[in-house]
N, C-alpha and C. Protein backbone atom coordinates (compact mmCIF):
# COMPACT_ATOMS: atom_id res chain seq x y z
N MET A 1 0.89 -1.16 0.32
CA MET A 1 0.12 0.07 -0.04
C MET A 1 0.91 1.27 -0.08
N ASP A 2 0.63 2.12 -0.82
CA ASP A 2 1.34 3.29 -0.97
C ASP A 2 1.36 4.41 0.42
N GLU A 3 2.07 5.01 0.68
CA GLU A 3 2.03 5.95 1.84
C GLU A 3 1.15 6.80 1.87
N GLN A 4 0.88 7.35 0.85
CA GLN A 4 -0.55 8.41 0.66
C GLN A 4 -1.86 7.42 1.04
N ARG A 5 -2.11 6.30 0.53
CA ARG A 5 -3.19 5.77 1.01
C ARG A 5 -3.33 5.45 2.40
N LEU A 6 -2.19 4.97 2.97
CA LEU A 6 -2.01 4.58 4.14
C LEU A 6 -2.35 5.68 5.06
N ALA A 7 -1.78 6.85 4.82
CA ALA A 7 -2.36 7.85 5.70
C ALA A 7 -3.46 8.45 5.58
N TYR A 8 -4.20 8.14 4.47
CA TYR A 8 -5.81 8.21 4.35
C TYR A 8 -6.30 7.54 5.66
N PHE A 9 -5.82 6.20 5.35
CA PHE A 9 -6.52 5.18 6.44
C PHE A 9 -6.50 5.51 7.87
N LYS A 10 -5.09 6.06 8.16
CA LYS A 10 -4.80 6.38 9.45
C LYS A 10 -5.66 7.56 10.00
N TYR A 11 -5.50 8.67 9.22
CA TYR A 11 -6.24 9.86 9.18
C TYR A 11 -6.96 10.22 8.58
N PRO A 12 -8.33 9.58 8.52
CA PRO A 12 -9.30 9.96 7.29
C PRO A 12 -9.98 11.46 7.56
N ILE A 13 -9.84 12.03 8.60
CA ILE A 13 -10.24 13.45 8.71
C ILE A 13 -9.34 14.45 8.80
N GLY A 14 -7.78 13.85 8.78
CA GLY A 14 -6.79 14.76 8.81
C GLY A 14 -6.09 14.57 10.47
N LYS A 15 -5.05 14.85 10.77
CA LYS A 15 -4.67 15.13 12.13
C LYS A 15 -5.26 16.33 12.78
N VAL A 16 -5.41 16.07 14.10
CA VAL A 16 -5.96 17.04 15.17
C VAL A 16 -5.45 18.58 14.98
N THR A 17 -6.20 19.60 14.76
CA THR A 17 -6.08 21.14 14.47
C THR A 17 -6.82 21.53 15.72
N ILE A 18 -6.21 22.19 16.55
CA ILE A 18 -6.88 23.15 17.41
C ILE A 18 -6.59 24.65 17.20
N PRO A 19 -7.72 25.20 17.00
CA PRO A 19 -7.51 26.59 16.68
C PRO A 19 -6.85 27.42 18.08
N LYS A 20 -6.48 28.74 17.46
CA LYS A 20 -6.12 29.77 18.32
C LYS A 20 -6.55 31.06 17.99
N PRO A 21 -7.27 31.64 18.75
CA PRO A 21 -7.67 31.28 20.16
C PRO A 21 -8.70 30.12 19.89
N ILE A 22 -9.07 29.61 21.23
CA ILE A 22 -10.47 28.89 21.31
C ILE A 22 -11.56 29.64 22.02
N THR A 23 -12.73 29.75 21.24
CA THR A 23 -13.73 30.41 21.54
C THR A 23 -14.59 29.81 22.30
N SER A 24 -15.65 30.37 23.09
CA SER A 24 -16.80 29.53 23.46
C SER A 24 -17.62 29.16 22.54
N SER A 25 -17.83 29.29 21.10
CA SER A 25 -18.43 28.56 20.43
C SER A 25 -17.75 27.21 20.10
N HIS A 26 -16.66 27.37 19.89
CA HIS A 26 -15.64 25.91 19.77
C HIS A 26 -15.97 25.07 20.65
N ILE A 27 -15.78 25.73 22.17
CA ILE A 27 -15.93 24.72 23.15
C ILE A 27 -17.53 24.14 23.03
N ARG A 28 -18.77 24.91 22.88
CA ARG A 28 -19.75 24.29 22.79
C ARG A 28 -20.21 23.18 21.50
N GLU A 29 -19.44 23.65 20.32
CA GLU A 29 -19.59 22.64 19.46
C GLU A 29 -18.57 21.34 19.84
N TRP A 30 -17.63 21.25 20.49
CA TRP A 30 -16.74 20.17 20.65
C TRP A 30 -17.53 19.34 21.89
N ILE A 31 -18.21 20.17 22.78
CA ILE A 31 -18.99 19.32 23.94
C ILE A 31 -20.30 18.73 23.18
N SER A 32 -20.83 19.11 21.95
CA SER A 32 -22.08 18.82 21.40
C SER A 32 -21.46 17.48 20.68
N VAL A 33 -20.30 17.50 20.27
CA VAL A 33 -19.62 16.37 19.53
C VAL A 33 -19.58 15.00 20.53
N LEU A 34 -19.27 15.50 21.50
CA LEU A 34 -18.86 14.37 22.69
C LEU A 34 -20.31 14.08 23.30
N GLU A 35 -21.46 14.83 23.39
CA GLU A 35 -22.76 14.45 23.71
C GLU A 35 -23.31 13.47 22.70
N ASP A 36 -23.14 13.66 21.45
CA ASP A 36 -23.73 12.86 20.28
C ASP A 36 -23.00 11.66 20.19
N PHE A 37 -21.76 11.45 20.13
CA PHE A 37 -20.93 10.63 19.89
C PHE A 37 -21.42 8.98 20.41
N PRO A 38 -21.92 8.83 21.61
CA PRO A 38 -22.07 7.60 21.97
C PRO A 38 -23.25 6.85 21.19
N ASP A 39 -24.27 7.73 20.82
CA ASP A 39 -25.57 7.17 19.84
C ASP A 39 -24.93 6.98 18.57
N GLN A 40 -24.25 7.96 18.13
CA GLN A 40 -23.97 7.73 16.46
C GLN A 40 -23.10 6.66 16.70
N LEU A 41 -22.18 6.27 17.37
CA LEU A 41 -21.03 5.07 17.55
C LEU A 41 -22.40 3.70 17.28
N VAL A 42 -22.96 3.45 18.53
CA VAL A 42 -23.96 2.78 18.79
C VAL A 42 -24.76 2.41 17.24
N LYS A 43 -25.36 3.46 16.65
CA LYS A 43 -25.97 3.22 15.33
C LYS A 43 -25.10 2.83 14.23
N LEU A 44 -24.03 3.05 14.38
CA LEU A 44 -22.98 2.74 13.48
C LEU A 44 -22.45 1.08 13.23
N VAL A 45 -22.28 0.86 14.72
CA VAL A 45 -21.84 -0.65 14.98
C VAL A 45 -22.61 -1.65 15.28
N ILE A 46 -23.61 -1.24 15.96
CA ILE A 46 -24.76 -2.21 16.81
C ILE A 46 -24.97 -3.51 15.83
N ASP A 47 -25.22 -3.33 14.35
CA ASP A 47 -25.57 -4.62 13.66
C ASP A 47 -24.44 -5.19 13.23
N PHE A 48 -23.33 -4.76 13.60
CA PHE A 48 -22.14 -5.69 12.95
C PHE A 48 -22.05 -7.17 13.39
N SER A 49 -21.69 -8.22 12.64
CA SER A 49 -21.44 -9.29 13.07
C SER A 49 -20.32 -9.38 13.34
N GLU A 50 -19.76 -10.72 14.44
CA GLU A 50 -18.53 -11.03 14.80
C GLU A 50 -17.50 -10.95 14.13
N LYS A 51 -17.65 -11.19 12.86
CA LYS A 51 -16.70 -11.46 11.82
C LYS A 51 -16.49 -9.78 11.44
N GLN A 52 -17.23 -8.97 11.25
CA GLN A 52 -17.10 -7.68 10.79
C GLN A 52 -16.39 -7.12 12.35
N LEU A 53 -16.82 -7.10 13.40
CA LEU A 53 -16.10 -6.70 14.46
C LEU A 53 -14.56 -6.97 14.48
N ASP A 54 -14.55 -7.98 14.01
CA ASP A 54 -13.08 -8.52 14.09
C ASP A 54 -12.12 -8.54 12.87
N THR A 55 -12.68 -7.31 12.28
CA THR A 55 -12.01 -6.74 10.90
C THR A 55 -11.31 -5.81 10.88
N PRO A 56 -9.88 -5.49 10.62
CA PRO A 56 -9.19 -4.40 10.80
C PRO A 56 -9.63 -3.24 10.12
N TYR A 57 -9.55 -1.96 10.46
CA TYR A 57 -10.17 -1.13 9.82
C TYR A 57 -9.24 -0.50 8.72
N ARG A 58 -7.92 -0.94 8.93
CA ARG A 58 -6.68 -0.89 7.89
C ARG A 58 -5.72 -1.84 7.88
N PRO A 59 -5.09 -2.32 7.05
CA PRO A 59 -4.02 -3.09 7.06
C PRO A 59 -3.08 -2.54 8.25
N GLU A 60 -2.97 -3.85 8.90
CA GLU A 60 -2.10 -3.62 10.09
C GLU A 60 -2.66 -2.70 11.20
N GLY A 61 -3.95 -2.66 11.26
CA GLY A 61 -4.48 -1.69 12.35
C GLY A 61 -5.41 -2.70 13.31
N TRP A 62 -5.88 -1.70 14.23
CA TRP A 62 -6.94 -2.44 15.17
C TRP A 62 -8.21 -3.16 14.60
N THR A 63 -8.79 -3.84 15.02
CA THR A 63 -10.13 -4.33 14.63
C THR A 63 -11.20 -3.18 15.24
N VAL A 64 -12.37 -3.21 14.34
CA VAL A 64 -13.77 -2.62 15.02
C VAL A 64 -13.76 -2.70 16.28
N ARG A 65 -13.69 -4.10 16.88
CA ARG A 65 -13.77 -4.41 18.18
C ARG A 65 -12.72 -3.72 19.04
N GLN A 66 -11.59 -3.65 18.84
CA GLN A 66 -10.57 -2.97 19.59
C GLN A 66 -10.59 -1.55 19.49
N VAL A 67 -11.00 -1.03 18.18
CA VAL A 67 -11.49 0.76 18.25
C VAL A 67 -12.28 1.01 19.04
N VAL A 68 -13.76 0.11 19.19
CA VAL A 68 -14.65 0.38 20.31
C VAL A 68 -14.03 0.34 21.73
N HIS A 69 -13.49 -0.59 21.75
CA HIS A 69 -12.73 -0.72 23.27
C HIS A 69 -11.75 0.34 23.70
N HIS A 70 -11.15 0.68 22.62
CA HIS A 70 -9.88 1.83 22.85
C HIS A 70 -10.79 2.93 23.26
N LEU A 71 -11.97 3.44 22.50
CA LEU A 71 -12.49 4.72 22.87
C LEU A 71 -13.04 4.80 24.21
N SER A 72 -13.40 3.81 24.80
CA SER A 72 -13.96 3.50 26.04
C SER A 72 -12.59 3.59 27.17
N ASP A 73 -11.51 2.98 26.78
CA ASP A 73 -10.38 3.04 27.57
C ASP A 73 -9.78 4.85 27.43
N SER A 74 -9.59 5.07 26.34
CA SER A 74 -8.88 6.39 26.04
C SER A 74 -9.80 7.62 26.71
N HIS A 75 -11.28 7.54 26.51
CA HIS A 75 -12.03 8.47 27.26
C HIS A 75 -12.21 8.51 28.74
N PHE A 76 -12.04 7.19 29.49
CA PHE A 76 -12.10 7.15 30.63
C PHE A 76 -10.74 7.98 31.37
N ASN A 77 -9.78 7.85 30.56
CA ASN A 77 -8.27 8.37 30.95
C ASN A 77 -8.56 9.60 30.98
N ALA A 78 -8.97 10.00 29.66
CA ALA A 78 -9.33 11.94 29.49
C ALA A 78 -10.14 12.39 30.80
N TYR A 79 -11.32 11.76 31.10
CA TYR A 79 -12.13 11.99 32.15
C TYR A 79 -11.20 12.51 33.31
N ILE A 80 -10.37 11.16 33.69
CA ILE A 80 -9.66 11.46 34.97
C ILE A 80 -8.47 12.46 35.19
N ARG A 81 -8.10 12.57 33.94
CA ARG A 81 -7.15 13.81 33.49
C ARG A 81 -7.70 15.07 33.75
N PHE A 82 -9.10 15.60 33.34
CA PHE A 82 -9.75 16.64 33.71
C PHE A 82 -10.06 16.53 35.20
N LYS A 83 -10.23 15.79 35.94
CA LYS A 83 -10.32 15.78 37.15
C LYS A 83 -9.05 16.05 37.69
N MET A 84 -7.86 15.83 37.53
CA MET A 84 -6.73 15.99 37.96
C MET A 84 -6.30 17.32 37.69
N ALA A 85 -6.57 17.99 36.28
CA ALA A 85 -6.26 19.47 36.20
C ALA A 85 -7.05 20.24 36.90
N LEU A 86 -8.19 20.07 37.49
CA LEU A 86 -9.18 20.93 38.24
C LEU A 86 -8.77 20.78 39.78
N THR A 87 -7.93 19.64 40.25
CA THR A 87 -7.89 19.50 41.73
C THR A 87 -6.46 19.48 41.97
N GLU A 88 -5.46 19.82 41.17
CA GLU A 88 -4.04 19.63 41.11
C GLU A 88 -3.72 20.78 40.44
N VAL A 89 -2.45 21.55 40.87
CA VAL A 89 -1.67 22.66 39.88
C VAL A 89 -0.66 21.86 38.98
N LYS A 90 -1.14 22.09 37.56
CA LYS A 90 -0.32 21.63 36.65
C LYS A 90 0.03 20.06 36.51
N PRO A 91 -0.70 19.06 37.00
CA PRO A 91 -0.22 17.67 37.32
C PRO A 91 0.17 17.11 36.16
N ILE A 92 1.02 16.13 36.20
CA ILE A 92 1.86 15.41 35.28
C ILE A 92 0.64 14.37 35.24
N ILE A 93 0.26 14.11 34.27
CA ILE A 93 -0.42 12.88 34.07
C ILE A 93 0.20 11.45 33.91
N LYS A 94 -0.50 10.51 33.86
CA LYS A 94 -0.22 9.31 33.78
C LYS A 94 -0.46 8.90 32.50
N PRO A 95 0.62 8.40 31.83
CA PRO A 95 0.15 8.16 30.09
C PRO A 95 0.08 6.71 30.35
N TYR A 96 -0.73 6.06 29.60
CA TYR A 96 -0.76 4.51 29.12
C TYR A 96 -0.39 4.45 27.92
N TYR A 97 0.05 2.97 27.65
CA TYR A 97 0.24 2.43 26.34
C TYR A 97 -1.05 1.84 25.63
N GLU A 98 -1.47 2.66 24.60
CA GLU A 98 -2.80 2.02 24.42
C GLU A 98 -2.71 1.20 23.36
N ASP A 99 -1.57 1.08 22.84
CA ASP A 99 -1.25 0.03 21.90
C ASP A 99 -1.74 -1.41 22.70
N ARG A 100 -0.81 -1.41 23.81
CA ARG A 100 -0.52 -2.40 24.59
C ARG A 100 -1.98 -2.80 25.29
N TRP A 101 -2.80 -1.74 25.49
CA TRP A 101 -4.24 -1.98 26.23
C TRP A 101 -5.14 -2.75 25.30
N ALA A 102 -4.71 -2.24 23.49
CA ALA A 102 -5.76 -2.68 22.58
C ALA A 102 -5.32 -4.32 22.30
N ALA A 103 -4.45 -4.71 22.85
CA ALA A 103 -3.70 -6.06 22.41
C ALA A 103 -3.96 -6.96 23.69
N LEU A 104 -4.89 -6.35 24.61
CA LEU A 104 -5.13 -7.26 25.84
C LEU A 104 -6.62 -7.85 25.17
N ARG A 105 -6.86 -9.14 26.36
CA ARG A 105 -7.83 -10.02 25.55
C ARG A 105 -9.21 -9.29 25.71
N ASP A 106 -9.42 -8.51 26.57
CA ASP A 106 -10.61 -7.93 26.89
C ASP A 106 -10.84 -6.81 25.42
N SER A 107 -9.85 -6.17 24.86
CA SER A 107 -10.01 -5.48 23.88
C SER A 107 -10.20 -6.27 22.78
N LYS A 108 -9.62 -7.41 22.81
CA LYS A 108 -9.72 -8.32 21.37
C LYS A 108 -11.17 -9.15 21.43
N LYS A 109 -11.39 -9.71 22.45
CA LYS A 109 -12.68 -10.26 22.80
C LYS A 109 -13.83 -10.31 23.20
N ALA A 110 -14.03 -9.19 24.12
CA ALA A 110 -15.20 -8.85 24.91
C ALA A 110 -15.84 -8.39 24.20
N PRO A 111 -17.28 -8.61 24.40
CA PRO A 111 -18.41 -7.89 23.38
C PRO A 111 -18.38 -6.33 23.64
N ILE A 112 -18.62 -5.77 22.32
CA ILE A 112 -18.75 -4.23 22.28
C ILE A 112 -19.51 -3.51 23.11
N GLU A 113 -20.59 -4.18 23.50
CA GLU A 113 -21.63 -3.53 24.36
C GLU A 113 -21.23 -3.00 25.77
N LEU A 114 -20.37 -3.74 26.12
CA LEU A 114 -19.55 -3.40 27.20
C LEU A 114 -18.95 -1.98 27.18
N SER A 115 -18.39 -1.62 26.44
CA SER A 115 -18.15 -0.48 26.09
C SER A 115 -18.78 0.36 25.67
N LEU A 116 -19.63 0.34 24.73
CA LEU A 116 -20.64 1.16 24.14
C LEU A 116 -21.52 1.77 25.31
N ASN A 117 -21.69 0.56 26.50
CA ASN A 117 -22.78 1.17 27.78
C ASN A 117 -21.72 2.00 28.54
N THR A 118 -20.59 1.43 28.79
CA THR A 118 -19.57 2.54 29.16
C THR A 118 -19.58 4.09 28.68
N LEU A 119 -19.18 4.11 27.31
CA LEU A 119 -19.17 5.16 26.70
C LEU A 119 -20.40 6.05 26.83
N SER A 120 -21.67 5.74 26.83
CA SER A 120 -22.64 6.33 26.98
C SER A 120 -22.93 6.75 28.42
N SER A 121 -22.71 5.97 29.22
CA SER A 121 -22.63 6.26 30.68
C SER A 121 -21.53 7.59 31.00
N LEU A 122 -20.38 7.30 30.68
CA LEU A 122 -19.26 8.26 30.92
C LEU A 122 -19.40 9.65 30.06
N HIS A 123 -19.73 9.40 28.82
CA HIS A 123 -20.09 10.81 28.02
C HIS A 123 -21.28 11.57 28.80
N ALA A 124 -22.33 10.93 29.09
CA ALA A 124 -23.32 11.81 29.96
C ALA A 124 -22.72 12.59 31.02
N LYS A 125 -22.21 11.77 31.80
CA LYS A 125 -21.28 12.47 32.82
C LYS A 125 -20.24 13.50 32.50
N TRP A 126 -19.52 13.05 32.00
CA TRP A 126 -18.47 13.99 31.14
C TRP A 126 -18.88 15.03 30.46
N VAL A 127 -20.14 15.02 30.13
CA VAL A 127 -20.60 16.41 28.99
C VAL A 127 -21.29 17.21 30.22
N TYR A 128 -21.82 16.52 31.30
CA TYR A 128 -22.41 17.62 32.43
C TYR A 128 -21.53 18.28 33.09
N PHE A 129 -20.43 17.56 33.45
CA PHE A 129 -19.12 18.18 33.89
C PHE A 129 -18.65 19.21 32.85
N LEU A 130 -18.35 18.97 31.72
CA LEU A 130 -17.80 19.81 31.05
C LEU A 130 -18.65 21.24 30.77
N LYS A 131 -19.93 21.32 30.58
CA LYS A 131 -20.88 22.05 30.65
C LYS A 131 -21.05 23.22 31.69
N GLU A 132 -20.49 22.78 32.76
CA GLU A 132 -20.28 23.50 34.03
C GLU A 132 -18.95 24.32 34.07
N LEU A 133 -18.10 23.82 33.61
CA LEU A 133 -16.88 24.38 33.36
C LEU A 133 -16.88 25.91 32.92
N SER A 134 -16.11 26.68 33.89
CA SER A 134 -15.93 28.17 33.89
C SER A 134 -14.71 28.39 32.71
N ALA A 135 -14.84 29.70 32.38
CA ALA A 135 -13.85 29.99 31.20
C ALA A 135 -12.46 29.98 31.90
N ASN A 136 -12.22 30.17 33.29
CA ASN A 136 -11.08 30.17 34.05
C ASN A 136 -10.91 28.48 34.16
N GLU A 137 -11.68 27.79 34.60
CA GLU A 137 -11.44 26.55 34.74
C GLU A 137 -10.80 25.66 33.31
N LEU A 138 -11.32 26.29 32.33
CA LEU A 138 -10.89 25.89 30.83
C LEU A 138 -9.56 25.86 30.53
N GLN A 139 -8.97 26.93 31.44
CA GLN A 139 -7.54 27.36 31.27
C GLN A 139 -6.58 26.67 31.94
N HIS A 140 -7.03 25.83 33.01
CA HIS A 140 -6.29 24.80 33.67
C HIS A 140 -5.55 23.80 32.95
N THR A 141 -4.42 23.33 33.25
CA THR A 141 -3.47 22.22 32.47
C THR A 141 -2.98 21.31 33.40
N PHE A 142 -2.52 20.22 32.39
CA PHE A 142 -2.21 19.31 32.87
C PHE A 142 -0.61 18.93 32.03
N ILE A 143 0.29 18.43 32.24
CA ILE A 143 1.61 18.15 31.51
C ILE A 143 1.88 16.63 31.25
N HIS A 144 2.06 16.20 30.12
CA HIS A 144 2.59 14.97 29.40
C HIS A 144 4.05 14.88 30.12
N PRO A 145 3.81 13.76 30.64
CA PRO A 145 5.47 13.31 31.00
C PRO A 145 6.47 13.05 30.03
N THR A 146 5.95 12.80 28.77
CA THR A 146 6.87 12.24 27.72
C THR A 146 7.40 13.52 26.94
N THR A 147 6.18 14.38 26.80
CA THR A 147 6.53 15.48 25.69
C THR A 147 6.83 17.00 26.52
N HIS A 148 6.50 16.72 27.82
CA HIS A 148 6.47 18.20 28.88
C HIS A 148 5.75 19.16 28.41
N LYS A 149 4.62 18.79 27.32
CA LYS A 149 3.69 20.02 27.00
C LYS A 149 2.54 20.10 27.78
N GLU A 150 2.47 21.35 28.13
CA GLU A 150 1.49 21.94 28.75
C GLU A 150 -0.08 22.01 28.06
N THR A 151 -0.89 21.46 28.60
CA THR A 151 -2.08 21.34 27.56
C THR A 151 -3.25 21.81 28.33
N SER A 152 -4.08 22.96 27.80
CA SER A 152 -5.34 23.21 28.70
C SER A 152 -6.51 22.06 28.41
N LEU A 153 -7.59 22.70 29.36
CA LEU A 153 -8.73 21.55 29.10
C LEU A 153 -9.55 21.92 28.05
N ALA A 154 -9.38 23.24 27.64
CA ALA A 154 -10.18 23.95 26.18
C ALA A 154 -9.53 23.03 25.01
N GLU A 155 -8.56 22.80 25.24
CA GLU A 155 -7.51 22.30 24.15
C GLU A 155 -8.11 20.78 24.14
N THR A 156 -8.01 20.17 25.39
CA THR A 156 -8.28 18.63 25.45
C THR A 156 -9.66 18.48 24.96
N ILE A 157 -10.64 19.26 25.29
CA ILE A 157 -11.93 18.99 24.93
C ILE A 157 -12.23 19.00 23.28
N GLY A 158 -11.26 19.80 22.61
CA GLY A 158 -11.13 19.87 21.15
C GLY A 158 -10.70 18.53 20.62
N TYR A 159 -9.43 18.05 21.36
CA TYR A 159 -8.64 16.83 20.91
C TYR A 159 -9.79 15.75 20.90
N TYR A 160 -10.71 15.53 21.97
CA TYR A 160 -11.47 14.34 22.16
C TYR A 160 -12.58 14.55 21.34
N ALA A 161 -12.83 15.76 20.73
CA ALA A 161 -14.01 15.70 19.74
C ALA A 161 -13.42 15.23 18.48
N TRP A 162 -12.40 15.51 18.34
CA TRP A 162 -11.58 15.19 16.83
C TRP A 162 -11.40 13.77 17.30
N HIS A 163 -11.17 12.98 18.51
CA HIS A 163 -10.85 11.69 18.58
C HIS A 163 -12.17 10.82 18.25
N CYS A 164 -13.25 11.51 18.71
CA CYS A 164 -14.51 10.88 18.47
C CYS A 164 -14.70 10.63 16.79
N VAL A 165 -14.59 11.64 16.03
CA VAL A 165 -14.71 11.81 14.74
C VAL A 165 -13.78 10.97 14.03
N HIS A 166 -12.78 11.13 14.38
CA HIS A 166 -11.49 10.21 13.71
C HIS A 166 -11.89 8.88 13.84
N HIS A 167 -12.11 8.04 14.92
CA HIS A 167 -12.25 6.97 14.87
C HIS A 167 -13.60 6.51 14.42
N TYR A 168 -14.46 7.39 14.38
CA TYR A 168 -15.87 7.11 13.60
C TYR A 168 -15.72 6.66 12.24
N ALA A 169 -14.94 7.84 11.47
CA ALA A 169 -14.46 7.58 10.34
C ALA A 169 -13.79 6.32 10.02
N HIS A 170 -12.86 5.91 10.72
CA HIS A 170 -12.25 4.75 10.65
C HIS A 170 -13.21 3.79 10.14
N ILE A 171 -14.33 3.32 11.33
CA ILE A 171 -15.17 2.26 10.81
C ILE A 171 -15.96 2.71 9.79
N ASN A 172 -16.52 3.86 9.89
CA ASN A 172 -17.51 4.31 8.72
C ASN A 172 -16.80 3.87 7.26
N ASN A 173 -15.57 4.24 7.55
CA ASN A 173 -14.98 4.43 5.95
C ASN A 173 -14.80 2.43 5.86
N LEU A 174 -14.61 1.87 6.87
CA LEU A 174 -14.43 0.33 6.65
C LEU A 174 -15.71 0.07 6.13
N LYS A 175 -16.64 0.42 6.84
CA LYS A 175 -18.10 -0.08 6.11
C LYS A 175 -18.40 0.22 5.11
N THR A 176 -18.11 1.48 4.66
CA THR A 176 -18.39 1.80 3.04
C THR A 176 -17.72 0.94 2.26
N ARG A 177 -16.31 0.94 2.28
CA ARG A 177 -15.38 -0.17 1.53
C ARG A 177 -15.74 -1.45 1.50
N MET A 178 -16.28 -2.11 2.54
CA MET A 178 -16.66 -3.63 2.54
C MET A 178 -18.11 -3.56 2.09
N LYS A 179 -19.05 -2.30 1.81
CA LYS A 179 -20.43 -2.44 1.51
C LYS A 179 -21.24 -3.52 2.56
N TRP A 180 -21.15 -3.02 3.68
CA TRP A 180 -21.90 -3.63 4.64
C TRP A 180 -22.97 -2.84 4.83
């Protein structure tokens, strides 16, 4: 597979770009994405067969099942990072090896309903929490220990809205290519 095609499979909506400055309109739009995502994901994957769930979305990529479980794992980590940023001063977050998590048996074999239900509950609580944040609280930051980058909660909301659409596109593009 040529590099351009592989890049499209990896980043079907492009890499994340966060505008500067981030406006209240951006925040509302991103929170709306987070709010709607669990239902959209359910509608996309609920009728997939076991074989379809175990199909990689790209060569050497994760299966649909792994992507769904990854979304739950990733968004749980994000939610915790938000709490840390609001209760500590510039906390250094705990990174995790998402590729190793995706290789664990639960990510490879567990029913997707476990993560779909988790995402629905988590996003409902997360969105409630996000809608209550003040402009000052949105500027709270955390630090990634590998990159040493300080990231605001406002930026992180944008990243996770992108993350939802990014992985939705992986699955939807596979569905379209395979004519499911």
